[in-house]
Amino acid sequence: MATRTATKPADDQPFDFNLDAVEAEVELRPFRVHFGGRRFEFTHMQALDAWETIEAAESGDIGVVVNSMKLALGDQWADFRAVPMPQHKLMRLFKAWQAHSGVQSGESEASGT
C-alpha cells in the first residue's frame, strides 16, 4: 500500500494583506529614564512583541506594567529591578512611557493605537 502525503498548494496567488510591508506610523525611539543614578532605555511600547504583551494582560494590570517593562528593558531588567521602586514612581514612569509611545492610558500597548 502506498503512503500518501499532503501536497502543499502553490504560493503563487496575490496576498490580501502583506503584513511584512507594514511600517510603524511613528518613530519608535527608545524611552530613556534616569533612575538609581544611571540611564535605562526602554524599547518603544509599539515595538514590543505583541504576543508577549497580550500574554502579560492575562496577569492583570500590574502584570502588564511589570512584564512590559521587563520586555522593554531586556538585559537591563536585573539592574533596573535591583533599585527599590516606590509604587507612586512605578505608575508615573509607566504613564510617562505610555505618553512617549503615543499610547493612551487604559489602552493596550499591544494595540498600537
PDB file of N, CA and C in Angstrom:
ATOM      1  N   MET A   1       0.847  -1.175   0.000  1.00  0.00           N
ATOM      2  CA  MET A   1       0.000   0.000   0.000  1.00  0.00           C
ATOM      3  C   MET A   1       0.898   1.245   0.000  1.00  0.00           C
ATOM      4  N   ALA A   2       0.637   2.184  -0.855  1.00  0.00           N
ATOM      5  CA  ALA A   2       1.451   3.397  -0.982  1.00  0.00           C
ATOM      6  C   ALA A   2       1.049   4.423   0.073  1.00  0.00           C
ATOM      7  N   THR A   3       2.050   5.132   0.592  1.00  0.00           N
ATOM      8  CA  THR A   3       1.769   6.193   1.561  1.00  0.00           C
ATOM      9  C   THR A   3       1.432   7.475   0.808  1.00  0.00           C
ATOM     10  N   ARG A   4       0.455   8.150   1.323  1.00  0.00           N
ATOM     11  CA  ARG A   4       0.050   9.420   0.703  1.00  0.00           C
ATOM     12  C   ARG A   4       0.523  10.568   1.565  1.00  0.00           C
ATOM     13  N   THR A   5       1.062  11.552   0.947  1.00  0.00           N
ATOM     14  CA  THR A   5       1.475  12.751   1.676  1.00  0.00           C
ATOM     15  C   THR A   5       0.687  13.936   1.139  1.00  0.00           C
ATOM     16  N   ALA A   6       0.382  14.832   2.012  1.00  0.00           N
ATOM     17  CA  ALA A   6      -0.345  16.029   1.598  1.00  0.00           C
ATOM     18  C   ALA A   6       0.575  16.908   0.772  1.00  0.00           C
ATOM     19  N   THR A   7       0.051  17.444  -0.272  1.00  0.00           N
ATOM     20  CA  THR A   7       0.845  18.355  -1.090  1.00  0.00           C
ATOM     21  C   THR A   7       0.541  19.778  -0.675  1.00  0.00           C
ATOM     22  N   LYS A   8       1.584  20.574  -0.641  1.00  0.00           N
ATOM     23  CA  LYS A   8       1.437  21.978  -0.267  1.00  0.00           C
ATOM     24  C   LYS A   8       0.983  22.758  -1.494  1.00  0.00           C
ATOM     25  N   PRO A   9      -0.079  23.544  -1.370  1.00  0.00           N
ATOM     26  CA  PRO A   9      -0.540  24.313  -2.526  1.00  0.00           C
ATOM     27  C   PRO A   9       0.515  25.349  -2.939  1.00  0.00           C
ATOM     28  N   ALA A  10       0.546  25.666  -4.198  1.00  0.00           N
ATOM     29  CA  ALA A  10       1.493  26.658  -4.702  1.00  0.00           C
ATOM     30  C   ALA A  10       1.190  28.017  -4.084  1.00  0.00           C
ATOM     31  N   ASP A  11       2.238  28.768  -3.773  1.00  0.00           N
ATOM     32  CA  ASP A  11       2.080  30.096  -3.170  1.00  0.00           C
ATOM     33  C   ASP A  11       2.260  31.151  -4.254  1.00  0.00           C
ATOM     34  N   ASP A  12       1.430  31.052  -5.300  1.00  0.00           N
ATOM     35  CA  ASP A  12       1.575  31.984  -6.417  1.00  0.00           C
ATOM     36  C   ASP A  12       0.390  32.946  -6.525  1.00  0.00           C
ATOM     37  N   GLN A  13      -0.440  32.984  -5.509  1.00  0.00           N
ATOM     38  CA  GLN A  13      -1.599  33.863  -5.504  1.00  0.00           C
ATOM     39  C   GLN A  13      -1.237  35.181  -4.814  1.00  0.00           C
ATOM     40  N   PRO A  14      -1.866  36.284  -5.230  1.00  0.00           N
ATOM     41  CA  PRO A  14      -1.583  37.569  -4.558  1.00  0.00           C
ATOM     42  C   PRO A  14      -2.093  37.533  -3.112  1.00  0.00           C
ATOM     43  N   PHE A  15      -1.465  38.329  -2.268  1.00  0.00           N
ATOM     44  CA  PHE A  15      -1.871  38.424  -0.868  1.00  0.00           C
ATOM     45  C   PHE A  15      -2.997  39.428  -0.722  1.00  0.00           C
ATOM     46  N   ASP A  16      -3.866  39.191   0.236  1.00  0.00           N
ATOM     47  CA  ASP A  16      -4.885  40.174   0.563  1.00  0.00           C
ATOM     48  C   ASP A  16      -4.306  41.281   1.441  1.00  0.00           C
ATOM     49  N   PHE A  17      -3.277  40.923   2.221  1.00  0.00           N
ATOM     50  CA  PHE A  17      -2.638  41.896   3.114  1.00  0.00           C
ATOM     51  C   PHE A  17      -1.206  41.454   3.343  1.00  0.00           C
ATOM     52  N   ASN A  18      -0.253  42.329   3.079  1.00  0.00           N
ATOM     53  CA  ASN A  18       1.155  41.998   3.267  1.00  0.00           C
ATOM     54  C   ASN A  18       1.634  42.601   4.581  1.00  0.00           C
ATOM     55  N   LEU A  19       1.572  41.828   5.639  1.00  0.00           N
ATOM     56  CA  LEU A  19       1.979  42.288   6.961  1.00  0.00           C
ATOM     57  C   LEU A  19       3.465  42.621   7.014  1.00  0.00           C
ATOM     58  N   ASP A  20       4.273  41.953   6.193  1.00  0.00           N
ATOM     59  CA  ASP A  20       5.708  42.244   6.148  1.00  0.00           C
ATOM     60  C   ASP A  20       6.005  43.661   5.683  1.00  0.00           C
ATOM     61  N   ALA A  21       5.080  44.267   4.962  1.00  0.00           N
ATOM     62  CA  ALA A  21       5.294  45.615   4.431  1.00  0.00           C
ATOM     63  C   ALA A  21       4.796  46.716   5.371  1.00  0.00           C
ATOM     64  N   VAL A  22       4.151  46.363   6.462  1.00  0.00           N
ATOM     65  CA  VAL A  22       3.596  47.350   7.379  1.00  0.00           C
ATOM     66  C   VAL A  22       4.732  48.043   8.140  1.00  0.00           C
ATOM     67  N   GLU A  23       4.698  49.358   8.152  1.00  0.00           N
ATOM     68  CA  GLU A  23       5.690  50.171   8.850  1.00  0.00           C
ATOM     69  C   GLU A  23       5.007  50.889  10.017  1.00  0.00           C
ATOM     70  N   ALA A  24       5.770  51.214  11.026  1.00  0.00           N
ATOM     71  CA  ALA A  24       5.248  51.986  12.154  1.00  0.00           C
ATOM     72  C   ALA A  24       4.878  53.385  11.671  1.00  0.00           C
ATOM     73  N   GLU A  25       3.823  53.941  12.248  1.00  0.00           N
ATOM     74  CA  GLU A  25       3.375  55.279  11.861  1.00  0.00           C
ATOM     75  C   GLU A  25       4.133  56.374  12.601  1.00  0.00           C
ATOM     76  N   VAL A  26       4.873  55.987  13.617  1.00  0.00           N
ATOM     77  CA  VAL A  26       5.670  56.938  14.395  1.00  0.00           C
ATOM     78  C   VAL A  26       7.097  56.419  14.501  1.00  0.00           C
ATOM     79  N   GLU A  27       8.008  57.319  14.849  1.00  0.00           N
ATOM     80  CA  GLU A  27       9.391  56.893  15.085  1.00  0.00           C
ATOM     81  C   GLU A  27       9.421  56.107  16.393  1.00  0.00           C
ATOM     82  N   LEU A  28       9.967  54.915  16.364  1.00  0.00           N
ATOM     83  CA  LEU A  28       9.979  54.047  17.543  1.00  0.00           C
ATOM     84  C   LEU A  28      11.242  54.288  18.377  1.00  0.00           C
ATOM     85  N   ARG A  29      11.402  55.544  18.774  1.00  0.00           N
ATOM     86  CA  ARG A  29      12.557  55.972  19.555  1.00  0.00           C
ATOM     87  C   ARG A  29      12.466  55.422  20.975  1.00  0.00           C
ATOM     88  N   PRO A  30      13.593  54.931  21.523  1.00  0.00           N
ATOM     89  CA  PRO A  30      13.561  54.413  22.896  1.00  0.00           C
ATOM     90  C   PRO A  30      13.196  55.507  23.906  1.00  0.00           C
ATOM     91  N   PHE A  31      12.648  55.094  25.017  1.00  0.00           N
ATOM     92  CA  PHE A  31      12.287  55.973  26.134  1.00  0.00           C
ATOM     93  C   PHE A  31      13.427  55.886  27.143  1.00  0.00           C
ATOM     94  N   ARG A  32      14.113  56.989  27.364  1.00  0.00           N
ATOM     95  CA  ARG A  32      15.287  56.998  28.241  1.00  0.00           C
ATOM     96  C   ARG A  32      14.913  57.541  29.613  1.00  0.00           C
ATOM     97  N   VAL A  33      15.341  56.814  30.643  1.00  0.00           N
ATOM     98  CA  VAL A  33      14.969  57.129  32.025  1.00  0.00           C
ATOM     99  C   VAL A  33      16.222  57.201  32.882  1.00  0.00           C
ATOM    100  N   HIS A  34      16.269  58.206  33.758  1.00  0.00           N
ATOM    101  CA  HIS A  34      17.333  58.272  34.756  1.00  0.00           C
ATOM    102  C   HIS A  34      16.753  57.746  36.060  1.00  0.00           C
ATOM    103  N   PHE A  35      17.388  56.716  36.612  1.00  0.00           N
ATOM    104  CA  PHE A  35      16.868  56.075  37.826  1.00  0.00           C
ATOM    105  C   PHE A  35      18.014  55.384  38.553  1.00  0.00           C
ATOM    106  N   GLY A  36      18.084  55.600  39.850  1.00  0.00           N
ATOM    107  CA  GLY A  36      19.127  54.960  40.650  1.00  0.00           C
ATOM    108  C   GLY A  36      20.528  55.391  40.244  1.00  0.00           C
ATOM    109  N   GLY A  37      20.643  56.617  39.733  1.00  0.00           N
ATOM    110  CA  GLY A  37      21.942  57.148  39.358  1.00  0.00           C
ATOM    111  C   GLY A  37      22.450  56.709  37.998  1.00  0.00           C
ATOM    112  N   ARG A  38      21.606  56.072  37.203  1.00  0.00           N
ATOM    113  CA  ARG A  38      22.057  55.649  35.870  1.00  0.00           C
ATOM    114  C   ARG A  38      20.940  55.758  34.832  1.00  0.00           C
ATOM    115  N   ARG A  39      21.310  55.554  33.583  1.00  0.00           N
ATOM    116  CA  ARG A  39      20.372  55.644  32.466  1.00  0.00           C
ATOM    117  C   ARG A  39      19.866  54.250  32.098  1.00  0.00           C
ATOM    118  N   PHE A  40      18.561  54.189  31.834  1.00  0.00           N
ATOM    119  CA  PHE A  40      17.933  52.969  31.323  1.00  0.00           C
ATOM    120  C   PHE A  40      17.194  53.338  30.045  1.00  0.00           C
ATOM    121  N   GLU A  41      17.215  52.434  29.075  1.00  0.00           N
ATOM    122  CA  GLU A  41      16.494  52.643  27.820  1.00  0.00           C
ATOM    123  C   GLU A  41      15.402  51.593  27.675  1.00  0.00           C
ATOM    124  N   PHE A  42      14.174  52.083  27.598  1.00  0.00           N
ATOM    125  CA  PHE A  42      13.019  51.221  27.369  1.00  0.00           C
ATOM    126  C   PHE A  42      12.744  51.188  25.869  1.00  0.00           C
ATOM    127  N   THR A  43      12.513  50.011  25.334  1.00  0.00           N
ATOM    128  CA  THR A  43      12.067  49.893  23.955  1.00  0.00           C
ATOM    129  C   THR A  43      10.718  50.602  23.838  1.00  0.00           C
ATOM    130  N   HIS A  44      10.487  51.268  22.734  1.00  0.00           N
ATOM    131  CA  HIS A  44       9.204  51.924  22.483  1.00  0.00           C
ATOM    132  C   HIS A  44       8.091  50.888  22.622  1.00  0.00           C
ATOM    133  N   MET A  45       6.997  51.246  23.287  1.00  0.00           N
ATOM    134  CA  MET A  45       5.902  50.297  23.520  1.00  0.00           C
ATOM    135  C   MET A  45       5.394  49.655  22.238  1.00  0.00           C
ATOM    136  N   GLN A  46       5.304  50.437  21.171  1.00  0.00           N
ATOM    137  CA  GLN A  46       4.756  49.910  19.936  1.00  0.00           C
ATOM    138  C   GLN A  46       5.721  48.961  19.221  1.00  0.00           C
ATOM    139  N   ALA A  47       6.953  48.867  19.714  1.00  0.00           N
ATOM    140  CA  ALA A  47       7.931  47.947  19.131  1.00  0.00           C
ATOM    141  C   ALA A  47       8.016  46.628  19.907  1.00  0.00           C
ATOM    142  N   LEU A  48       7.321  46.531  21.048  1.00  0.00           N
ATOM    143  CA  LEU A  48       7.331  45.298  21.834  1.00  0.00           C
ATOM    144  C   LEU A  48       6.602  44.184  21.097  1.00  0.00           C
ATOM    145  N   ASP A  49       6.992  42.961  21.370  1.00  0.00           N
ATOM    146  CA  ASP A  49       6.334  41.809  20.764  1.00  0.00           C
ATOM    147  C   ASP A  49       4.880  41.737  21.235  1.00  0.00           C
ATOM    148  N   ALA A  50       3.961  41.833  20.299  1.00  0.00           N
ATOM    149  CA  ALA A  50       2.535  41.854  20.636  1.00  0.00           C
ATOM    150  C   ALA A  50       2.097  40.595  21.364  1.00  0.00           C
ATOM    151  N   TRP A  51       2.611  39.430  20.968  1.00  0.00           N
ATOM    152  CA  TRP A  51       2.175  38.180  21.605  1.00  0.00           C
ATOM    153  C   TRP A  51       2.552  38.172  23.081  1.00  0.00           C
ATOM    154  N   GLU A  52       3.737  38.669  23.394  1.00  0.00           N
ATOM    155  CA  GLU A  52       4.155  38.667  24.802  1.00  0.00           C
ATOM    156  C   GLU A  52       3.369  39.683  25.628  1.00  0.00           C
ATOM    157  N   THR A  53       3.033  40.841  25.040  1.00  0.00           N
ATOM    158  CA  THR A  53       2.243  41.814  25.797  1.00  0.00           C
ATOM    159  C   THR A  53       0.806  41.326  25.988  1.00  0.00           C
ATOM    160  N   ILE A  54       0.288  40.600  25.011  1.00  0.00           N
ATOM    161  CA  ILE A  54      -1.055  40.027  25.147  1.00  0.00           C
ATOM    162  C   ILE A  54      -1.068  38.989  26.263  1.00  0.00           C
ATOM    163  N   GLU A  55      -0.055  38.136  26.310  1.00  0.00           N
ATOM    164  CA  GLU A  55       0.045  37.138  27.384  1.00  0.00           C
ATOM    165  C   GLU A  55       0.155  37.816  28.748  1.00  0.00           C
ATOM    166  N   ALA A  56       0.877  38.940  28.818  1.00  0.00           N
ATOM    167  CA  ALA A  56       1.027  39.670  30.077  1.00  0.00           C
ATOM    168  C   ALA A  56      -0.316  40.189  30.578  1.00  0.00           C
ATOM    169  N   ALA A  57      -1.220  40.504  29.650  1.00  0.00           N
ATOM    170  CA  ALA A  57      -2.535  41.032  30.028  1.00  0.00           C
ATOM    171  C   ALA A  57      -3.337  40.028  30.845  1.00  0.00           C
ATOM    172  N   GLU A  58      -3.032  38.746  30.694  1.00  0.00           N
ATOM    173  CA  GLU A  58      -3.739  37.715  31.450  1.00  0.00           C
ATOM    174  C   GLU A  58      -3.441  37.796  32.940  1.00  0.00           C
ATOM    175  N   SER A  59      -2.338  38.456  33.307  1.00  0.00           N
ATOM    176  CA  SER A  59      -1.964  38.541  34.722  1.00  0.00           C
ATOM    177  C   SER A  59      -2.448  39.837  35.378  1.00  0.00           C
ATOM    178  N   GLY A  60      -3.336  40.570  34.716  1.00  0.00           N
ATOM    179  CA  GLY A  60      -3.910  41.773  35.298  1.00  0.00           C
ATOM    180  C   GLY A  60      -3.080  43.010  34.997  1.00  0.00           C
ATOM    181  N   ASP A  61      -3.572  44.157  35.468  1.00  0.00           N
ATOM    182  CA  ASP A  61      -2.945  45.442  35.162  1.00  0.00           C
ATOM    183  C   ASP A  61      -1.491  45.527  35.619  1.00  0.00           C
ATOM    184  N   ILE A  62      -1.223  45.140  36.851  1.00  0.00           N
ATOM    185  CA  ILE A  62       0.152  45.245  37.351  1.00  0.00           C
ATOM    186  C   ILE A  62       1.062  44.267  36.603  1.00  0.00           C
ATOM    187  N   GLY A  63       0.513  43.134  36.191  1.00  0.00           N
ATOM    188  CA  GLY A  63       1.281  42.191  35.381  1.00  0.00           C
ATOM    189  C   GLY A  63       1.660  42.779  34.040  1.00  0.00           C
ATOM    190  N   VAL A  64       0.741  43.538  33.442  1.00  0.00           N
ATOM    191  CA  VAL A  64       1.022  44.204  32.171  1.00  0.00           C
ATOM    192  C   VAL A  64       2.151  45.214  32.368  1.00  0.00           C
ATOM    193  N   VAL A  65       2.061  46.000  33.434  1.00  0.00           N
ATOM    194  CA  VAL A  65       3.075  47.018  33.704  1.00  0.00           C
ATOM    195  C   VAL A  65       4.448  46.364  33.864  1.00  0.00           C
ATOM    196  N   VAL A  66       4.542  45.404  34.767  1.00  0.00           N
ATOM    197  CA  VAL A  66       5.832  44.776  35.068  1.00  0.00           C
ATOM    198  C   VAL A  66       6.372  43.989  33.875  1.00  0.00           C
ATOM    199  N   ASN A  67       5.538  43.173  33.255  1.00  0.00           N
ATOM    200  CA  ASN A  67       6.008  42.370  32.126  1.00  0.00           C
ATOM    201  C   ASN A  67       6.383  43.222  30.922  1.00  0.00           C
ATOM    202  N   SER A  68       5.660  44.306  30.694  1.00  0.00           N
ATOM    203  CA  SER A  68       6.006  45.205  29.597  1.00  0.00           C
ATOM    204  C   SER A  68       7.361  45.858  29.842  1.00  0.00           C
ATOM    205  N   MET A  69       7.583  46.277  31.088  1.00  0.00           N
ATOM    206  CA  MET A  69       8.875  46.881  31.420  1.00  0.00           C
ATOM    207  C   MET A  69      10.008  45.867  31.288  1.00  0.00           C
ATOM    208  N   LYS A  70       9.748  44.669  31.726  1.00  0.00           N
ATOM    209  CA  LYS A  70      10.757  43.606  31.621  1.00  0.00           C
ATOM    210  C   LYS A  70      11.119  43.357  30.154  1.00  0.00           C
ATOM    211  N   LEU A  71      10.119  43.290  29.302  1.00  0.00           N
ATOM    212  CA  LEU A  71      10.363  43.116  27.866  1.00  0.00           C
ATOM    213  C   LEU A  71      11.132  44.307  27.291  1.00  0.00           C
ATOM    214  N   ALA A  72      10.711  45.502  27.679  1.00  0.00           N
ATOM    215  CA  ALA A  72      11.294  46.717  27.115  1.00  0.00           C
ATOM    216  C   ALA A  72      12.744  46.934  27.549  1.00  0.00           C
ATOM    217  N   LEU A  73      13.073  46.494  28.757  1.00  0.00           N
ATOM    218  CA  LEU A  73      14.429  46.703  29.272  1.00  0.00           C
ATOM    219  C   LEU A  73      15.391  45.596  28.865  1.00  0.00           C
ATOM    220  N   GLY A  74      14.868  44.417  28.576  1.00  0.00           N
ATOM    221  CA  GLY A  74      15.737  43.317  28.150  1.00  0.00           C
ATOM    222  C   GLY A  74      16.844  43.032  29.150  1.00  0.00           C
ATOM    223  N   ASP A  75      18.101  43.120  28.711  1.00  0.00           N
ATOM    224  CA  ASP A  75      19.258  42.823  29.566  1.00  0.00           C
ATOM    225  C   ASP A  75      19.425  43.806  30.724  1.00  0.00           C
ATOM    226  N   GLN A  76      18.770  44.955  30.658  1.00  0.00           N
ATOM    227  CA  GLN A  76      18.870  45.954  31.733  1.00  0.00           C
ATOM    228  C   GLN A  76      17.926  45.653  32.897  1.00  0.00           C
ATOM    229  N   TRP A  77      16.990  44.711  32.704  1.00  0.00           N
ATOM    230  CA  TRP A  77      15.942  44.450  33.694  1.00  0.00           C
ATOM    231  C   TRP A  77      16.505  44.165  35.087  1.00  0.00           C
ATOM    232  N   ALA A  78      17.493  43.291  35.192  1.00  0.00           N
ATOM    233  CA  ALA A  78      18.023  42.914  36.512  1.00  0.00           C
ATOM    234  C   ALA A  78      18.579  44.127  37.248  1.00  0.00           C
ATOM    235  N   ASP A  79      19.306  44.995  36.544  1.00  0.00           N
ATOM    236  CA  ASP A  79      19.851  46.203  37.176  1.00  0.00           C
ATOM    237  C   ASP A  79      18.740  47.165  37.572  1.00  0.00           C
ATOM    238  N   PHE A  80      17.745  47.308  36.713  1.00  0.00           N
ATOM    239  CA  PHE A  80      16.609  48.191  36.994  1.00  0.00           C
ATOM    240  C   PHE A  80      15.843  47.682  38.206  1.00  0.00           C
ATOM    241  N   ARG A  81      15.600  46.399  38.240  1.00  0.00           N
ATOM    242  CA  ARG A  81      14.835  45.753  39.315  1.00  0.00           C
ATOM    243  C   ARG A  81      15.571  45.781  40.645  1.00  0.00           C
ATOM    244  N   ALA A  82      16.890  45.886  40.612  1.00  0.00           N
ATOM    245  CA  ALA A  82      17.695  45.891  41.840  1.00  0.00           C
ATOM    246  C   ALA A  82      17.534  47.184  42.643  1.00  0.00           C
ATOM    247  N   VAL A  83      17.027  48.241  42.010  1.00  0.00           N
ATOM    248  CA  VAL A  83      16.830  49.523  42.697  1.00  0.00           C
ATOM    249  C   VAL A  83      15.418  49.542  43.282  1.00  0.00           C
ATOM    250  N   PRO A  84      15.277  49.814  44.602  1.00  0.00           N
ATOM    251  CA  PRO A  84      13.932  49.866  45.187  1.00  0.00           C
ATOM    252  C   PRO A  84      13.046  50.882  44.447  1.00  0.00           C
ATOM    253  N   MET A  85      11.792  50.494  44.202  1.00  0.00           N
ATOM    254  CA  MET A  85      10.858  51.314  43.422  1.00  0.00           C
ATOM    255  C   MET A  85       9.591  51.593  44.214  1.00  0.00           C
ATOM    256  N   PRO A  86       9.413  52.827  44.690  1.00  0.00           N
ATOM    257  CA  PRO A  86       8.145  53.167  45.345  1.00  0.00           C
ATOM    258  C   PRO A  86       6.993  53.055  44.334  1.00  0.00           C
ATOM    259  N   GLN A  87       5.844  52.600  44.797  1.00  0.00           N
ATOM    260  CA  GLN A  87       4.709  52.379  43.896  1.00  0.00           C
ATOM    261  C   GLN A  87       4.310  53.646  43.145  1.00  0.00           C
ATOM    262  N   HIS A  88       4.347  54.802  43.831  1.00  0.00           N
ATOM    263  CA  HIS A  88       3.921  56.029  43.150  1.00  0.00           C
ATOM    264  C   HIS A  88       4.846  56.366  41.977  1.00  0.00           C
ATOM    265  N   LYS A  89       6.100  55.985  42.058  1.00  0.00           N
ATOM    266  CA  LYS A  89       7.025  56.233  40.955  1.00  0.00           C
ATOM    267  C   LYS A  89       6.809  55.243  39.816  1.00  0.00           C
ATOM    268  N   LEU A  90       6.465  54.012  40.147  1.00  0.00           N
ATOM    269  CA  LEU A  90       6.246  52.999  39.123  1.00  0.00           C
ATOM    270  C   LEU A  90       5.131  53.421  38.172  1.00  0.00           C
ATOM    271  N   MET A  91       4.013  53.860  38.716  1.00  0.00           N
ATOM    272  CA  MET A  91       2.885  54.232  37.862  1.00  0.00           C
ATOM    273  C   MET A  91       3.163  55.528  37.097  1.00  0.00           C
ATOM    274  N   ARG A  92       3.883  56.469  37.709  1.00  0.00           N
ATOM    275  CA  ARG A  92       4.254  57.695  36.986  1.00  0.00           C
ATOM    276  C   ARG A  92       5.170  57.359  35.811  1.00  0.00           C
ATOM    277  N   LEU A  93       6.113  56.448  36.052  1.00  0.00           N
ATOM    278  CA  LEU A  93       7.018  56.009  34.991  1.00  0.00           C
ATOM    279  C   LEU A  93       6.230  55.357  33.858  1.00  0.00           C
ATOM    280  N   PHE A  94       5.318  54.457  34.200  1.00  0.00           N
ATOM    281  CA  PHE A  94       4.542  53.751  33.176  1.00  0.00           C
ATOM    282  C   PHE A  94       3.712  54.730  32.351  1.00  0.00           C
ATOM    283  N   LYS A  95       3.085  55.696  33.007  1.00  0.00           N
ATOM    284  CA  LYS A  95       2.265  56.685  32.287  1.00  0.00           C
ATOM    285  C   LYS A  95       3.124  57.566  31.386  1.00  0.00           C
ATOM    286  N   ALA A  96       4.329  57.931  31.841  1.00  0.00           N
ATOM    287  CA  ALA A  96       5.237  58.727  31.012  1.00  0.00           C
ATOM    288  C   ALA A  96       5.699  57.924  29.796  1.00  0.00           C
ATOM    289  N   TRP A  97       5.947  56.637  29.996  1.00  0.00           N
ATOM    290  CA  TRP A  97       6.356  55.757  28.896  1.00  0.00           C
ATOM    291  C   TRP A  97       5.215  55.606  27.894  1.00  0.00           C
ATOM    292  N   GLN A  98       3.979  55.477  28.400  1.00  0.00           N
ATOM    293  CA  GLN A  98       2.812  55.410  27.520  1.00  0.00           C
ATOM    294  C   GLN A  98       2.705  56.682  26.678  1.00  0.00           C
ATOM    295  N   ALA A  99       2.850  57.836  27.327  1.00  0.00           N
ATOM    296  CA  ALA A  99       2.750  59.109  26.612  1.00  0.00           C
ATOM    297  C   ALA A  99       3.838  59.204  25.538  1.00  0.00           C
ATOM    298  N   HIS A 100       5.057  58.825  25.885  1.00  0.00           N
ATOM    299  CA  HIS A 100       6.172  58.831  24.929  1.00  0.00           C
ATOM    300  C   HIS A 100       5.850  57.937  23.728  1.00  0.00           C
ATOM    301  N   SER A 101       5.186  56.825  23.983  1.00  0.00           N
ATOM    302  CA  SER A 101       4.890  55.841  22.947  1.00  0.00           C
ATOM    303  C   SER A 101       3.592  56.124  22.194  1.00  0.00           C
ATOM    304  N   GLY A 102       2.882  57.191  22.583  1.00  0.00           N
ATOM    305  CA  GLY A 102       1.636  57.528  21.906  1.00  0.00           C
ATOM    306  C   GLY A 102       0.492  56.605  22.258  1.00  0.00           C
ATOM    307  N   VAL A 103       0.564  55.999  23.445  1.00  0.00           N
ATOM    308  CA  VAL A 103      -0.482  55.086  23.911  1.00  0.00           C
ATOM    309  C   VAL A 103      -1.266  55.799  25.006  1.00  0.00           C
ATOM    310  N   GLN A 104      -2.584  55.838  24.862  1.00  0.00           N
ATOM    311  CA  GLN A 104      -3.431  56.470  25.857  1.00  0.00           C
ATOM    312  C   GLN A 104      -3.543  55.596  27.096  1.00  0.00           C
ATOM    313  N   SER A 105      -3.640  56.213  28.255  1.00  0.00           N
ATOM    314  CA  SER A 105      -3.815  55.470  29.496  1.00  0.00           C
ATOM    315  C   SER A 105      -5.067  54.607  29.407  1.00  0.00           C
ATOM    316  N   GLY A 106      -4.936  53.336  29.806  1.00  0.00           N
ATOM    317  CA  GLY A 106      -6.045  52.403  29.743  1.00  0.00           C
ATOM    318  C   GLY A 106      -6.130  51.649  28.423  1.00  0.00           C
ATOM    319  N   GLU A 107      -5.321  52.047  27.460  1.00  0.00           N
ATOM    320  CA  GLU A 107      -5.291  51.392  26.152  1.00  0.00           C
ATOM    321  C   GLU A 107      -4.180  50.352  26.157  1.00  0.00           C
ATOM    322  N   SER A 108      -4.389  49.261  25.518  1.00  0.00           N
ATOM    323  CA  SER A 108      -3.374  48.216  25.447  1.00  0.00           C
ATOM    324  C   SER A 108      -2.235  48.653  24.568  1.00  0.00           C
ATOM    325  N   GLU A 109      -0.990  48.521  25.068  1.00  0.00           N
ATOM    326  CA  GLU A 109       0.149  48.864  24.227  1.00  0.00           C
ATOM    327  C   GLU A 109       0.298  47.930  23.054  1.00  0.00           C
ATOM    328  N   ALA A 110      -0.316  46.750  23.153  1.00  0.00           N
ATOM    329  CA  ALA A 110      -0.254  45.795  22.052  1.00  0.00           C
ATOM    330  C   ALA A 110      -1.103  46.259  20.877  1.00  0.00           C
ATOM    331  N   SER A 111      -2.080  47.139  21.137  1.00  0.00           N
ATOM    332  CA  SER A 111      -2.961  47.550  20.058  1.00  0.00           C
ATOM    333  C   SER A 111      -2.279  48.504  19.101  1.00  0.00           C
ATOM    334  N   GLY A 112      -1.329  49.290  19.621  1.00  0.00           N
ATOM    335  CA  GLY A 112      -0.615  50.224  18.778  1.00  0.00           C
ATOM    336  C   GLY A 112      -1.417  51.434  18.351  1.00  0.00           C
ATOM    337  N   THR A 113      -2.583  51.635  18.975  1.00  0.00           N
ATOM    338  CA  THR A 113      -3.378  52.810  18.629  1.00  0.00           C
ATOM    339  C   THR A 113      -3.793  53.547  19.874  1.00  0.00           C
TER     340      THR A 113
END
